[in-house]
PDB file of all heavy atoms in Angstrom:
ATOM      1  N   SER A   1     -12.631  16.516  13.990  1.00  0.00           N
ATOM      2  CA  SER A   1     -13.301  15.346  13.429  1.00  0.00           C
ATOM      3  C   SER A   1     -14.044  15.779  12.180  1.00  0.00           C
ATOM      4  O   SER A   1     -14.348  16.948  11.991  1.00  0.00           O
ATOM      5  CB  SER A   1     -14.272  14.729  14.439  1.00  0.00           C
ATOM      6  OG  SER A   1     -15.291  15.645  14.763  1.00  0.00           O
ATOM      7  N   GLY A   2     -14.306  14.823  11.316  1.00  0.00           N
ATOM      8  CA  GLY A   2     -14.981  15.111  10.058  1.00  0.00           C
ATOM      9  C   GLY A   2     -13.981  15.178   8.923  1.00  0.00           C
ATOM     10  O   GLY A   2     -12.799  15.390   9.128  1.00  0.00           O
ATOM     11  N   LEU A   3     -14.474  14.961   7.718  1.00  0.00           N
ATOM     12  CA  LEU A   3     -13.648  14.875   6.521  1.00  0.00           C
ATOM     13  C   LEU A   3     -12.549  13.844   6.743  1.00  0.00           C
ATOM     14  O   LEU A   3     -12.828  12.689   6.961  1.00  0.00           O
ATOM     15  CB  LEU A   3     -13.084  16.236   6.127  1.00  0.00           C
ATOM     16  CG  LEU A   3     -14.103  17.254   5.637  1.00  0.00           C
ATOM     17  CD1 LEU A   3     -13.426  18.601   5.405  1.00  0.00           C
ATOM     18  CD2 LEU A   3     -14.787  16.791   4.361  1.00  0.00           C
ATOM     19  N   TYR A   4     -11.305  14.265   6.720  1.00  0.00           N
ATOM     20  CA  TYR A   4     -10.199  13.332   6.905  1.00  0.00           C
ATOM     21  C   TYR A   4      -9.687  13.304   8.340  1.00  0.00           C
ATOM     22  O   TYR A   4      -8.727  12.611   8.636  1.00  0.00           O
ATOM     23  CB  TYR A   4      -9.038  13.692   5.983  1.00  0.00           C
ATOM     24  CG  TYR A   4      -9.349  13.531   4.514  1.00  0.00           C
ATOM     25  CD1 TYR A   4      -9.007  14.520   3.610  1.00  0.00           C
ATOM     26  CD2 TYR A   4      -9.971  12.401   4.035  1.00  0.00           C
ATOM     27  CE1 TYR A   4      -9.277  14.374   2.267  1.00  0.00           C
ATOM     28  CE2 TYR A   4     -10.254  12.246   2.698  1.00  0.00           C
ATOM     29  CZ  TYR A   4      -9.899  13.228   1.814  1.00  0.00           C
ATOM     30  OH  TYR A   4     -10.164  13.077   0.483  1.00  0.00           O
ATOM     31  N   PHE A   5     -10.303  14.067   9.236  1.00  0.00           N
ATOM     32  CA  PHE A   5      -9.826  14.140  10.608  1.00  0.00           C
ATOM     33  C   PHE A   5     -10.510  13.083  11.468  1.00  0.00           C
ATOM     34  O   PHE A   5     -11.727  13.004  11.523  1.00  0.00           O
ATOM     35  CB  PHE A   5     -10.087  15.523  11.206  1.00  0.00           C
ATOM     36  CG  PHE A   5      -9.296  16.602  10.544  1.00  0.00           C
ATOM     37  CD1 PHE A   5      -9.886  17.442   9.609  1.00  0.00           C
ATOM     38  CD2 PHE A   5      -7.959  16.781  10.833  1.00  0.00           C
ATOM     39  CE1 PHE A   5      -9.152  18.441   8.998  1.00  0.00           C
ATOM     40  CE2 PHE A   5      -7.215  17.771  10.225  1.00  0.00           C
ATOM     41  CZ  PHE A   5      -7.817  18.600   9.307  1.00  0.00           C
ATOM     42  N   CYS A   6      -9.717  12.277  12.132  1.00  0.00           N
ATOM     43  CA  CYS A   6     -10.205  11.232  13.032  1.00  0.00           C
ATOM     44  C   CYS A   6      -9.341  11.286  14.286  1.00  0.00           C
ATOM     45  O   CYS A   6      -8.409  10.500  14.429  1.00  0.00           O
ATOM     46  CB  CYS A   6     -10.119   9.875  12.361  1.00  0.00           C
ATOM     47  SG  CYS A   6     -11.022   9.753  10.821  1.00  0.00           S
ATOM     48  N   GLN A   7      -9.658  12.216  15.171  1.00  0.00           N
ATOM     49  CA  GLN A   7      -8.743  12.498  16.262  1.00  0.00           C
ATOM     50  C   GLN A   7      -9.298  12.158  17.637  1.00  0.00           C
ATOM     51  O   GLN A   7      -9.241  12.948  18.573  1.00  0.00           O
ATOM     52  CB  GLN A   7      -8.284  13.951  16.179  1.00  0.00           C
ATOM     53  CG  GLN A   7      -7.516  14.195  14.897  1.00  0.00           C
ATOM     54  CD  GLN A   7      -6.938  15.585  14.791  1.00  0.00           C
ATOM     55  OE1 GLN A   7      -7.228  16.471  15.580  1.00  0.00           O
ATOM     56  NE2 GLN A   7      -6.100  15.782  13.787  1.00  0.00           N
ATOM     57  N   THR A   8      -9.830  10.960  17.729  1.00  0.00           N
ATOM     58  CA  THR A   8     -10.084  10.303  19.012  1.00  0.00           C
ATOM     59  C   THR A   8      -9.576   8.876  18.828  1.00  0.00           C
ATOM     60  O   THR A   8      -9.480   8.404  17.688  1.00  0.00           O
ATOM     61  CB  THR A   8     -11.583  10.284  19.389  1.00  0.00           C
ATOM     62  OG1 THR A   8     -12.286   9.471  18.456  1.00  0.00           O
ATOM     63  CG2 THR A   8     -12.180  11.690  19.436  1.00  0.00           C
ATOM     64  N   PRO A   9      -9.239   8.184  19.902  1.00  0.00           N
ATOM     65  CA  PRO A   9      -8.712   6.822  19.711  1.00  0.00           C
ATOM     66  C   PRO A   9      -9.653   5.925  18.901  1.00  0.00           C
ATOM     67  O   PRO A   9      -9.211   5.224  17.994  1.00  0.00           O
ATOM     68  CB  PRO A   9      -8.530   6.307  21.144  1.00  0.00           C
ATOM     69  CG  PRO A   9      -8.281   7.542  21.939  1.00  0.00           C
ATOM     70  CD  PRO A   9      -9.144   8.606  21.304  1.00  0.00           C
ATOM     71  N   LYS A  10     -10.942   5.960  19.208  1.00  0.00           N
ATOM     72  CA  LYS A  10     -11.889   5.102  18.500  1.00  0.00           C
ATOM     73  C   LYS A  10     -12.011   5.503  17.028  1.00  0.00           C
ATOM     74  O   LYS A  10     -11.936   4.651  16.135  1.00  0.00           O
ATOM     75  CB  LYS A  10     -13.259   5.158  19.167  1.00  0.00           C
ATOM     76  CG  LYS A  10     -14.280   4.257  18.515  1.00  0.00           C
ATOM     77  CD  LYS A  10     -15.621   4.338  19.199  1.00  0.00           C
ATOM     78  CE  LYS A  10     -16.637   3.467  18.481  1.00  0.00           C
ATOM     79  NZ  LYS A  10     -17.949   3.544  19.091  1.00  0.00           N
ATOM     80  N   SER A  11     -12.171   6.790  16.761  1.00  0.00           N
ATOM     81  CA  SER A  11     -12.329   7.220  15.367  1.00  0.00           C
ATOM     82  C   SER A  11     -11.037   7.031  14.575  1.00  0.00           C
ATOM     83  O   SER A  11     -11.075   6.716  13.386  1.00  0.00           O
ATOM     84  CB  SER A  11     -12.811   8.671  15.285  1.00  0.00           C
ATOM     85  OG  SER A  11     -11.835   9.567  15.770  1.00  0.00           O
ATOM     86  N   ALA A  12      -9.886   7.181  15.224  1.00  0.00           N
ATOM     87  CA  ALA A  12      -8.612   6.945  14.536  1.00  0.00           C
ATOM     88  C   ALA A  12      -8.512   5.491  14.100  1.00  0.00           C
ATOM     89  O   ALA A  12      -8.116   5.205  12.973  1.00  0.00           O
ATOM     90  CB  ALA A  12      -7.439   7.315  15.439  1.00  0.00           C
ATOM     91  N   LEU A  13      -8.906   4.587  14.973  1.00  0.00           N
ATOM     92  CA  LEU A  13      -8.865   3.169  14.628  1.00  0.00           C
ATOM     93  C   LEU A  13      -9.841   2.851  13.498  1.00  0.00           C
ATOM     94  O   LEU A  13      -9.483   2.156  12.541  1.00  0.00           O
ATOM     95  CB  LEU A  13      -9.169   2.319  15.860  1.00  0.00           C
ATOM     96  CG  LEU A  13      -9.017   0.817  15.702  1.00  0.00           C
ATOM     97  CD1 LEU A  13      -7.604   0.452  15.290  1.00  0.00           C
ATOM     98  CD2 LEU A  13      -9.380   0.112  16.984  1.00  0.00           C
ATOM     99  N   VAL A  14     -11.055   3.388  13.580  1.00  0.00           N
ATOM    100  CA  VAL A  14     -12.054   3.153  12.535  1.00  0.00           C
ATOM    101  C   VAL A  14     -11.567   3.717  11.194  1.00  0.00           C
ATOM    102  O   VAL A  14     -11.633   3.041  10.161  1.00  0.00           O
ATOM    103  CB  VAL A  14     -13.419   3.760  12.930  1.00  0.00           C
ATOM    104  CG1 VAL A  14     -14.375   3.786  11.756  1.00  0.00           C
ATOM    105  CG2 VAL A  14     -14.025   2.991  14.093  1.00  0.00           C
ATOM    106  N   CYS A  15     -11.067   4.935  11.190  1.00  0.00           N
ATOM    107  CA  CYS A  15     -10.581   5.549   9.955  1.00  0.00           C
ATOM    108  C   CYS A  15      -9.402   4.786   9.372  1.00  0.00           C
ATOM    109  O   CYS A  15      -9.330   4.579   8.163  1.00  0.00           O
ATOM    110  CB  CYS A  15     -10.177   7.002  10.198  1.00  0.00           C
ATOM    111  SG  CYS A  15     -11.566   8.105  10.452  1.00  0.00           S
ATOM    112  N   TYR A  16      -8.491   4.364  10.234  1.00  0.00           N
ATOM    113  CA  TYR A  16      -7.313   3.664   9.725  1.00  0.00           C
ATOM    114  C   TYR A  16      -7.682   2.303   9.148  1.00  0.00           C
ATOM    115  O   TYR A  16      -7.151   1.891   8.125  1.00  0.00           O
ATOM    116  CB  TYR A  16      -6.254   3.522  10.813  1.00  0.00           C
ATOM    117  CG  TYR A  16      -4.907   3.191  10.236  1.00  0.00           C
ATOM    118  CD1 TYR A  16      -4.150   4.171   9.615  1.00  0.00           C
ATOM    119  CD2 TYR A  16      -4.408   1.900  10.261  1.00  0.00           C
ATOM    120  CE1 TYR A  16      -2.915   3.875   9.049  1.00  0.00           C
ATOM    121  CE2 TYR A  16      -3.182   1.601   9.698  1.00  0.00           C
ATOM    122  CZ  TYR A  16      -2.441   2.596   9.104  1.00  0.00           C
ATOM    123  OH  TYR A  16      -1.232   2.295   8.537  1.00  0.00           O
ATOM    124  N   VAL A  17      -8.617   1.596   9.785  1.00  0.00           N
ATOM    125  CA  VAL A  17      -9.062   0.306   9.261  1.00  0.00           C
ATOM    126  C   VAL A  17      -9.766   0.503   7.918  1.00  0.00           C
ATOM    127  O   VAL A  17      -9.525  -0.258   6.972  1.00  0.00           O
ATOM    128  CB  VAL A  17      -9.964  -0.432  10.278  1.00  0.00           C
ATOM    129  CG1 VAL A  17     -10.660  -1.617   9.644  1.00  0.00           C
ATOM    130  CG2 VAL A  17      -9.139  -0.884  11.478  1.00  0.00           C
ATOM    131  N   LYS A  18     -10.608   1.536   7.799  1.00  0.00           N
ATOM    132  CA  LYS A  18     -11.244   1.835   6.510  1.00  0.00           C
ATOM    133  C   LYS A  18     -10.189   2.130   5.452  1.00  0.00           C
ATOM    134  O   LYS A  18     -10.269   1.646   4.318  1.00  0.00           O
ATOM    135  CB  LYS A  18     -12.183   3.037   6.634  1.00  0.00           C
ATOM    136  CG  LYS A  18     -13.483   2.747   7.303  1.00  0.00           C
ATOM    137  CD  LYS A  18     -14.327   4.014   7.328  1.00  0.00           C
ATOM    138  CE  LYS A  18     -15.597   3.837   8.085  1.00  0.00           C
ATOM    139  NZ  LYS A  18     -16.384   5.083   8.160  1.00  0.00           N
ATOM    140  N   ASP A  19      -9.210   2.909   5.824  1.00  0.00           N
ATOM    141  CA  ASP A  19      -8.125   3.264   4.919  1.00  0.00           C
ATOM    142  C   ASP A  19      -7.359   2.015   4.470  1.00  0.00           C
ATOM    143  O   ASP A  19      -7.026   1.862   3.305  1.00  0.00           O
ATOM    144  CB  ASP A  19      -7.191   4.246   5.633  1.00  0.00           C
ATOM    145  CG  ASP A  19      -6.316   5.040   4.700  1.00  0.00           C
ATOM    146  OD1 ASP A  19      -6.837   5.574   3.716  1.00  0.00           O
ATOM    147  OD2 ASP A  19      -5.112   5.116   4.977  1.00  0.00           O
ATOM    148  N   LEU A  20      -7.116   1.111   5.402  1.00  0.00           N
ATOM    149  CA  LEU A  20      -6.414  -0.126   5.090  1.00  0.00           C
ATOM    150  C   LEU A  20      -7.250  -1.016   4.164  1.00  0.00           C
ATOM    151  O   LEU A  20      -6.718  -1.642   3.249  1.00  0.00           O
ATOM    152  CB  LEU A  20      -6.067  -0.873   6.376  1.00  0.00           C
ATOM    153  CG  LEU A  20      -5.130  -2.064   6.267  1.00  0.00           C
ATOM    154  CD1 LEU A  20      -3.805  -1.660   5.636  1.00  0.00           C
ATOM    155  CD2 LEU A  20      -4.902  -2.672   7.631  1.00  0.00           C
ATOM    156  N   ILE A  21      -8.557  -1.046   4.368  1.00  0.00           N
ATOM    157  CA  ILE A  21      -9.438  -1.821   3.487  1.00  0.00           C
ATOM    158  C   ILE A  21      -9.405  -1.249   2.076  1.00  0.00           C
ATOM    159  O   ILE A  21      -9.344  -2.001   1.095  1.00  0.00           O
ATOM    160  CB  ILE A  21     -10.872  -1.867   4.050  1.00  0.00           C
ATOM    161  CG1 ILE A  21     -10.904  -2.749   5.305  1.00  0.00           C
ATOM    162  CG2 ILE A  21     -11.860  -2.382   3.007  1.00  0.00           C
ATOM    163  CD1 ILE A  21     -12.188  -2.670   6.098  1.00  0.00           C
ATOM    164  N   TYR A  22      -9.438   0.080   1.945  1.00  0.00           N
ATOM    165  CA  TYR A  22      -9.317   0.699   0.615  1.00  0.00           C
ATOM    166  C   TYR A  22      -7.999   0.287  -0.053  1.00  0.00           C
ATOM    167  O   TYR A  22      -7.957  -0.006  -1.233  1.00  0.00           O
ATOM    168  CB  TYR A  22      -9.382   2.221   0.701  1.00  0.00           C
ATOM    169  CG  TYR A  22     -10.704   2.785   1.117  1.00  0.00           C
ATOM    170  CD1 TYR A  22     -10.768   3.946   1.876  1.00  0.00           C
ATOM    171  CD2 TYR A  22     -11.908   2.186   0.762  1.00  0.00           C
ATOM    172  CE1 TYR A  22     -11.980   4.486   2.265  1.00  0.00           C
ATOM    173  CE2 TYR A  22     -13.115   2.716   1.151  1.00  0.00           C
ATOM    174  CZ  TYR A  22     -13.153   3.868   1.900  1.00  0.00           C
ATOM    175  OH  TYR A  22     -14.357   4.400   2.286  1.00  0.00           O
ATOM    176  N   LEU A  23      -6.932   0.282   0.730  1.00  0.00           N
ATOM    177  CA  LEU A  23      -5.629  -0.098   0.185  1.00  0.00           C
ATOM    178  C   LEU A  23      -5.622  -1.561  -0.256  1.00  0.00           C
ATOM    179  O   LEU A  23      -5.099  -1.886  -1.319  1.00  0.00           O
ATOM    180  CB  LEU A  23      -4.520   0.139   1.201  1.00  0.00           C
ATOM    181  CG  LEU A  23      -3.138  -0.272   0.717  1.00  0.00           C
ATOM    182  CD1 LEU A  23      -2.627   0.723  -0.318  1.00  0.00           C
ATOM    183  CD2 LEU A  23      -2.178  -0.387   1.867  1.00  0.00           C
ATOM    184  N   LEU A  24      -6.216  -2.436   0.558  1.00  0.00           N
ATOM    185  CA  LEU A  24      -6.258  -3.851   0.196  1.00  0.00           C
ATOM    186  C   LEU A  24      -7.065  -4.074  -1.077  1.00  0.00           C
ATOM    187  O   LEU A  24      -6.716  -4.923  -1.897  1.00  0.00           O
ATOM    188  CB  LEU A  24      -6.813  -4.677   1.352  1.00  0.00           C
ATOM    189  CG  LEU A  24      -5.903  -4.781   2.571  1.00  0.00           C
ATOM    190  CD1 LEU A  24      -6.613  -5.497   3.710  1.00  0.00           C
ATOM    191  CD2 LEU A  24      -4.606  -5.469   2.230  1.00  0.00           C
ATOM    192  N   LYS A  25      -8.135  -3.313  -1.263  1.00  0.00           N
ATOM    193  CA  LYS A  25      -8.898  -3.399  -2.510  1.00  0.00           C
ATOM    194  C   LYS A  25      -8.046  -2.905  -3.676  1.00  0.00           C
ATOM    195  O   LYS A  25      -8.043  -3.499  -4.749  1.00  0.00           O
ATOM    196  CB  LYS A  25     -10.174  -2.572  -2.427  1.00  0.00           C
ATOM    197  CG  LYS A  25     -11.238  -3.171  -1.541  1.00  0.00           C
ATOM    198  CD  LYS A  25     -12.453  -2.271  -1.483  1.00  0.00           C
ATOM    199  CE  LYS A  25     -13.518  -2.801  -0.555  1.00  0.00           C
ATOM    200  NZ  LYS A  25     -14.666  -1.870  -0.462  1.00  0.00           N
ATOM    201  N   TYR A  26      -7.342  -1.826  -3.454  1.00  0.00           N
ATOM    202  CA  TYR A  26      -6.510  -1.232  -4.494  1.00  0.00           C
ATOM    203  C   TYR A  26      -5.369  -2.173  -4.907  1.00  0.00           C
ATOM    204  O   TYR A  26      -5.025  -2.278  -6.076  1.00  0.00           O
ATOM    205  CB  TYR A  26      -5.962   0.104  -3.996  1.00  0.00           C
ATOM    206  CG  TYR A  26      -5.042   0.813  -4.935  1.00  0.00           C
ATOM    207  CD1 TYR A  26      -5.506   1.369  -6.118  1.00  0.00           C
ATOM    208  CD2 TYR A  26      -3.688   0.946  -4.633  1.00  0.00           C
ATOM    209  CE1 TYR A  26      -4.657   2.032  -6.988  1.00  0.00           C
ATOM    210  CE2 TYR A  26      -2.838   1.614  -5.489  1.00  0.00           C
ATOM    211  CZ  TYR A  26      -3.323   2.152  -6.658  1.00  0.00           C
ATOM    212  OH  TYR A  26      -2.475   2.811  -7.520  1.00  0.00           O
ATOM    213  N   LEU A  27      -4.804  -2.853  -3.916  1.00  0.00           N
ATOM    214  CA  LEU A  27      -3.669  -3.742  -4.168  1.00  0.00           C
ATOM    215  C   LEU A  27      -4.054  -5.219  -4.090  1.00  0.00           C
ATOM    216  O   LEU A  27      -3.223  -6.067  -3.754  1.00  0.00           O
ATOM    217  CB  LEU A  27      -2.554  -3.453  -3.157  1.00  0.00           C
ATOM    218  CG  LEU A  27      -1.913  -2.081  -3.222  1.00  0.00           C
ATOM    219  CD1 LEU A  27      -0.904  -1.906  -2.090  1.00  0.00           C
ATOM    220  CD2 LEU A  27      -1.242  -1.864  -4.563  1.00  0.00           C
ATOM    221  N   ALA A  28      -5.298  -5.550  -4.407  1.00  0.00           N
ATOM    222  CA  ALA A  28      -5.791  -6.922  -4.251  1.00  0.00           C
ATOM    223  C   ALA A  28      -5.006  -7.920  -5.085  1.00  0.00           C
ATOM    224  O   ALA A  28      -4.629  -8.988  -4.585  1.00  0.00           O
ATOM    225  CB  ALA A  28      -7.278  -6.992  -4.602  1.00  0.00           C
ATOM    226  N   ILE A  29      -4.728  -7.607  -6.331  1.00  0.00           N
ATOM    227  CA  ILE A  29      -4.034  -8.561  -7.203  1.00  0.00           C
ATOM    228  C   ILE A  29      -2.588  -8.787  -6.753  1.00  0.00           C
ATOM    229  O   ILE A  29      -2.181  -9.939  -6.555  1.00  0.00           O
ATOM    230  CB  ILE A  29      -4.128  -8.124  -8.677  1.00  0.00           C
ATOM    231  CG1 ILE A  29      -5.581  -8.239  -9.131  1.00  0.00           C
ATOM    232  CG2 ILE A  29      -3.207  -8.963  -9.563  1.00  0.00           C
ATOM    233  CD1 ILE A  29      -5.853  -7.665 -10.492  1.00  0.00           C
ATOM    234  N   PRO A  30      -1.782  -7.733  -6.542  1.00  0.00           N
ATOM    235  CA  PRO A  30      -0.414  -8.014  -6.078  1.00  0.00           C
ATOM    236  C   PRO A  30      -0.370  -8.643  -4.678  1.00  0.00           C
ATOM    237  O   PRO A  30       0.504  -9.467  -4.405  1.00  0.00           O
ATOM    238  CB  PRO A  30       0.284  -6.659  -6.100  1.00  0.00           C
ATOM    239  CG  PRO A  30      -0.753  -5.647  -6.318  1.00  0.00           C
ATOM    240  CD  PRO A  30      -1.968  -6.316  -6.825  1.00  0.00           C
ATOM    241  N   THR A  31      -1.330  -8.287  -3.819  1.00  0.00           N
ATOM    242  CA  THR A  31      -1.367  -8.883  -2.483  1.00  0.00           C
ATOM    243  C   THR A  31      -1.651 -10.373  -2.577  1.00  0.00           C
ATOM    244  O   THR A  31      -0.965 -11.193  -1.948  1.00  0.00           O
ATOM    245  CB  THR A  31      -2.441  -8.193  -1.613  1.00  0.00           C
ATOM    246  OG1 THR A  31      -2.142  -6.805  -1.512  1.00  0.00           O
ATOM    247  CG2 THR A  31      -2.494  -8.803  -0.224  1.00  0.00           C
ATOM    248  N   THR A  32      -2.650 -10.733  -3.366  1.00  0.00           N
ATOM    249  CA  THR A  32      -2.997 -12.142  -3.533  1.00  0.00           C
ATOM    250  C   THR A  32      -1.838 -12.917  -4.125  1.00  0.00           C
ATOM    251  O   THR A  32      -1.466 -13.985  -3.613  1.00  0.00           O
ATOM    252  CB  THR A  32      -4.246 -12.274  -4.438  1.00  0.00           C
ATOM    253  OG1 THR A  32      -5.314 -11.513  -3.867  1.00  0.00           O
ATOM    254  CG2 THR A  32      -4.663 -13.721  -4.581  1.00  0.00           C
ATOM    255  N   PHE A  33      -1.251 -12.399  -5.173  1.00  0.00           N
ATOM    256  CA  PHE A  33      -0.120 -13.069  -5.815  1.00  0.00           C
ATOM    257  C   PHE A  33       1.035 -13.262  -4.839  1.00  0.00           C
ATOM    258  O   PHE A  33       1.600 -14.359  -4.731  1.00  0.00           O
ATOM    259  CB  PHE A  33       0.351 -12.264  -7.029  1.00  0.00           C
ATOM    260  CG  PHE A  33       1.615 -12.789  -7.633  1.00  0.00           C
ATOM    261  CD1 PHE A  33       1.600 -13.917  -8.451  1.00  0.00           C
ATOM    262  CD2 PHE A  33       2.834 -12.173  -7.372  1.00  0.00           C
ATOM    263  CE1 PHE A  33       2.771 -14.407  -8.996  1.00  0.00           C
ATOM    264  CE2 PHE A  33       4.004 -12.663  -7.914  1.00  0.00           C
ATOM    265  CZ  PHE A  33       3.969 -13.784  -8.735  1.00  0.00           C
ATOM    266  N   THR A  34       1.391 -12.217  -4.123  1.00  0.00           N
ATOM    267  CA  THR A  34       2.539 -12.277  -3.213  1.00  0.00           C
ATOM    268  C   THR A  34       2.310 -13.264  -2.080  1.00  0.00           C
ATOM    269  O   THR A  34       3.181 -14.085  -1.768  1.00  0.00           O
ATOM    270  CB  THR A  34       2.842 -10.872  -2.658  1.00  0.00           C
ATOM    271  OG1 THR A  34       3.081  -9.989  -3.747  1.00  0.00           O
ATOM    272  CG2 THR A  34       4.037 -10.885  -1.740  1.00  0.00           C
ATOM    273  N   PHE A  35       1.131 -13.211  -1.455  1.00  0.00           N
ATOM    274  CA  PHE A  35       0.879 -14.116  -0.340  1.00  0.00           C
ATOM    275  C   PHE A  35       0.717 -15.563  -0.797  1.00  0.00           C
ATOM    276  O   PHE A  35       1.141 -16.485  -0.096  1.00  0.00           O
ATOM    277  CB  PHE A  35      -0.311 -13.643   0.499  1.00  0.00           C
ATOM    278  CG  PHE A  35       0.058 -12.519   1.415  1.00  0.00           C
ATOM    279  CD1 PHE A  35      -0.339 -11.220   1.147  1.00  0.00           C
ATOM    280  CD2 PHE A  35       0.828 -12.749   2.539  1.00  0.00           C
ATOM    281  CE1 PHE A  35       0.022 -10.183   1.975  1.00  0.00           C
ATOM    282  CE2 PHE A  35       1.190 -11.712   3.385  1.00  0.00           C
ATOM    283  CZ  PHE A  35       0.789 -10.433   3.099  1.00  0.00           C
ATOM    284  N   LEU A  36       0.129 -15.778  -1.949  1.00  0.00           N
ATOM    285  CA  LEU A  36       0.065 -17.145  -2.481  1.00  0.00           C
ATOM    286  C   LEU A  36       1.460 -17.682  -2.755  1.00  0.00           C
ATOM    287  O   LEU A  36       1.762 -18.847  -2.451  1.00  0.00           O
ATOM    288  CB  LEU A  36      -0.779 -17.193  -3.754  1.00  0.00           C
ATOM    289  CG  LEU A  36      -2.287 -17.193  -3.569  1.00  0.00           C
ATOM    290  CD1 LEU A  36      -2.991 -17.130  -4.917  1.00  0.00           C
ATOM    291  CD2 LEU A  36      -2.737 -18.418  -2.787  1.00  0.00           C
ATOM    292  N   PHE A  37       2.308 -16.861  -3.315  1.00  0.00           N
ATOM    293  CA  PHE A  37       3.695 -17.264  -3.567  1.00  0.00           C
ATOM    294  C   PHE A  37       4.402 -17.633  -2.266  1.00  0.00           C
ATOM    295  O   PHE A  37       5.108 -18.649  -2.194  1.00  0.00           O
ATOM    296  CB  PHE A  37       4.444 -16.146  -4.290  1.00  0.00           C
ATOM    297  CG  PHE A  37       5.829 -16.523  -4.695  1.00  0.00           C
ATOM    298  CD1 PHE A  37       6.058 -17.194  -5.881  1.00  0.00           C
ATOM    299  CD2 PHE A  37       6.914 -16.220  -3.876  1.00  0.00           C
ATOM    300  CE1 PHE A  37       7.345 -17.563  -6.258  1.00  0.00           C
ATOM    301  CE2 PHE A  37       8.192 -16.577  -4.236  1.00  0.00           C
ATOM    302  CZ  PHE A  37       8.412 -17.255  -5.433  1.00  0.00           C
ATOM    303  N   LEU A  38       4.212 -16.812  -1.224  1.00  0.00           N
ATOM    304  CA  LEU A  38       4.843 -17.102   0.067  1.00  0.00           C
ATOM    305  C   LEU A  38       4.308 -18.396   0.663  1.00  0.00           C
ATOM    306  O   LEU A  38       5.074 -19.206   1.203  1.00  0.00           O
ATOM    307  CB  LEU A  38       4.616 -15.945   1.044  1.00  0.00           C
ATOM    308  CG  LEU A  38       5.411 -14.678   0.798  1.00  0.00           C
ATOM    309  CD1 LEU A  38       5.002 -13.600   1.785  1.00  0.00           C
ATOM    310  CD2 LEU A  38       6.899 -14.949   0.889  1.00  0.00           C
ATOM    311  N   ILE A  39       2.999 -18.593   0.595  1.00  0.00           N
ATOM    312  CA  ILE A  39       2.398 -19.794   1.181  1.00  0.00           C
ATOM    313  C   ILE A  39       2.862 -21.049   0.450  1.00  0.00           C
ATOM    314  O   ILE A  39       3.216 -22.046   1.078  1.00  0.00           O
ATOM    315  CB  ILE A  39       0.852 -19.671   1.161  1.00  0.00           C
ATOM    316  CG1 ILE A  39       0.408 -18.597   2.149  1.00  0.00           C
ATOM    317  CG2 ILE A  39       0.192 -21.008   1.488  1.00  0.00           C
ATOM    318  CD1 ILE A  39      -1.037 -18.170   2.007  1.00  0.00           C
ATOM    319  N   ILE A  40       2.888 -20.994  -0.871  1.00  0.00           N
ATOM    320  CA  ILE A  40       3.291 -22.156  -1.668  1.00  0.00           C
ATOM    321  C   ILE A  40       4.752 -22.520  -1.410  1.00  0.00           C
ATOM    322  O   ILE A  40       5.104 -23.699  -1.317  1.00  0.00           O
ATOM    323  CB  ILE A  40       3.049 -21.889  -3.165  1.00  0.00           C
ATOM    324  CG1 ILE A  40       1.548 -21.850  -3.439  1.00  0.00           C
ATOM    325  CG2 ILE A  40       3.734 -22.928  -4.037  1.00  0.00           C
ATOM    326  CD1 ILE A  40       1.179 -21.316  -4.814  1.00  0.00           C
ATOM    327  N   ASN A  41       5.608 -21.536  -1.253  1.00  0.00           N
ATOM    328  CA  ASN A  41       7.044 -21.786  -1.116  1.00  0.00           C
ATOM    329  C   ASN A  41       7.551 -21.773   0.323  1.00  0.00           C
ATOM    330  O   ASN A  41       8.750 -21.928   0.551  1.00  0.00           O
ATOM    331  CB  ASN A  41       7.829 -20.759  -1.935  1.00  0.00           C
ATOM    332  CG  ASN A  41       7.579 -20.930  -3.406  1.00  0.00           C
ATOM    333  OD1 ASN A  41       7.746 -22.012  -3.948  1.00  0.00           O
ATOM    334  ND2 ASN A  41       7.152 -19.865  -4.056  1.00  0.00           N
TER     335      ASN A  41
END
């Protein structure tokens, strides 16, 4: 555990969700565009 290691079920879930949030921030514009396009069509 520590740094990039999250090797218990709870910490793995917390780390992965944080990682996913970072990704969503990073890809906010293409994500918004793509999902809006899908919803509209």
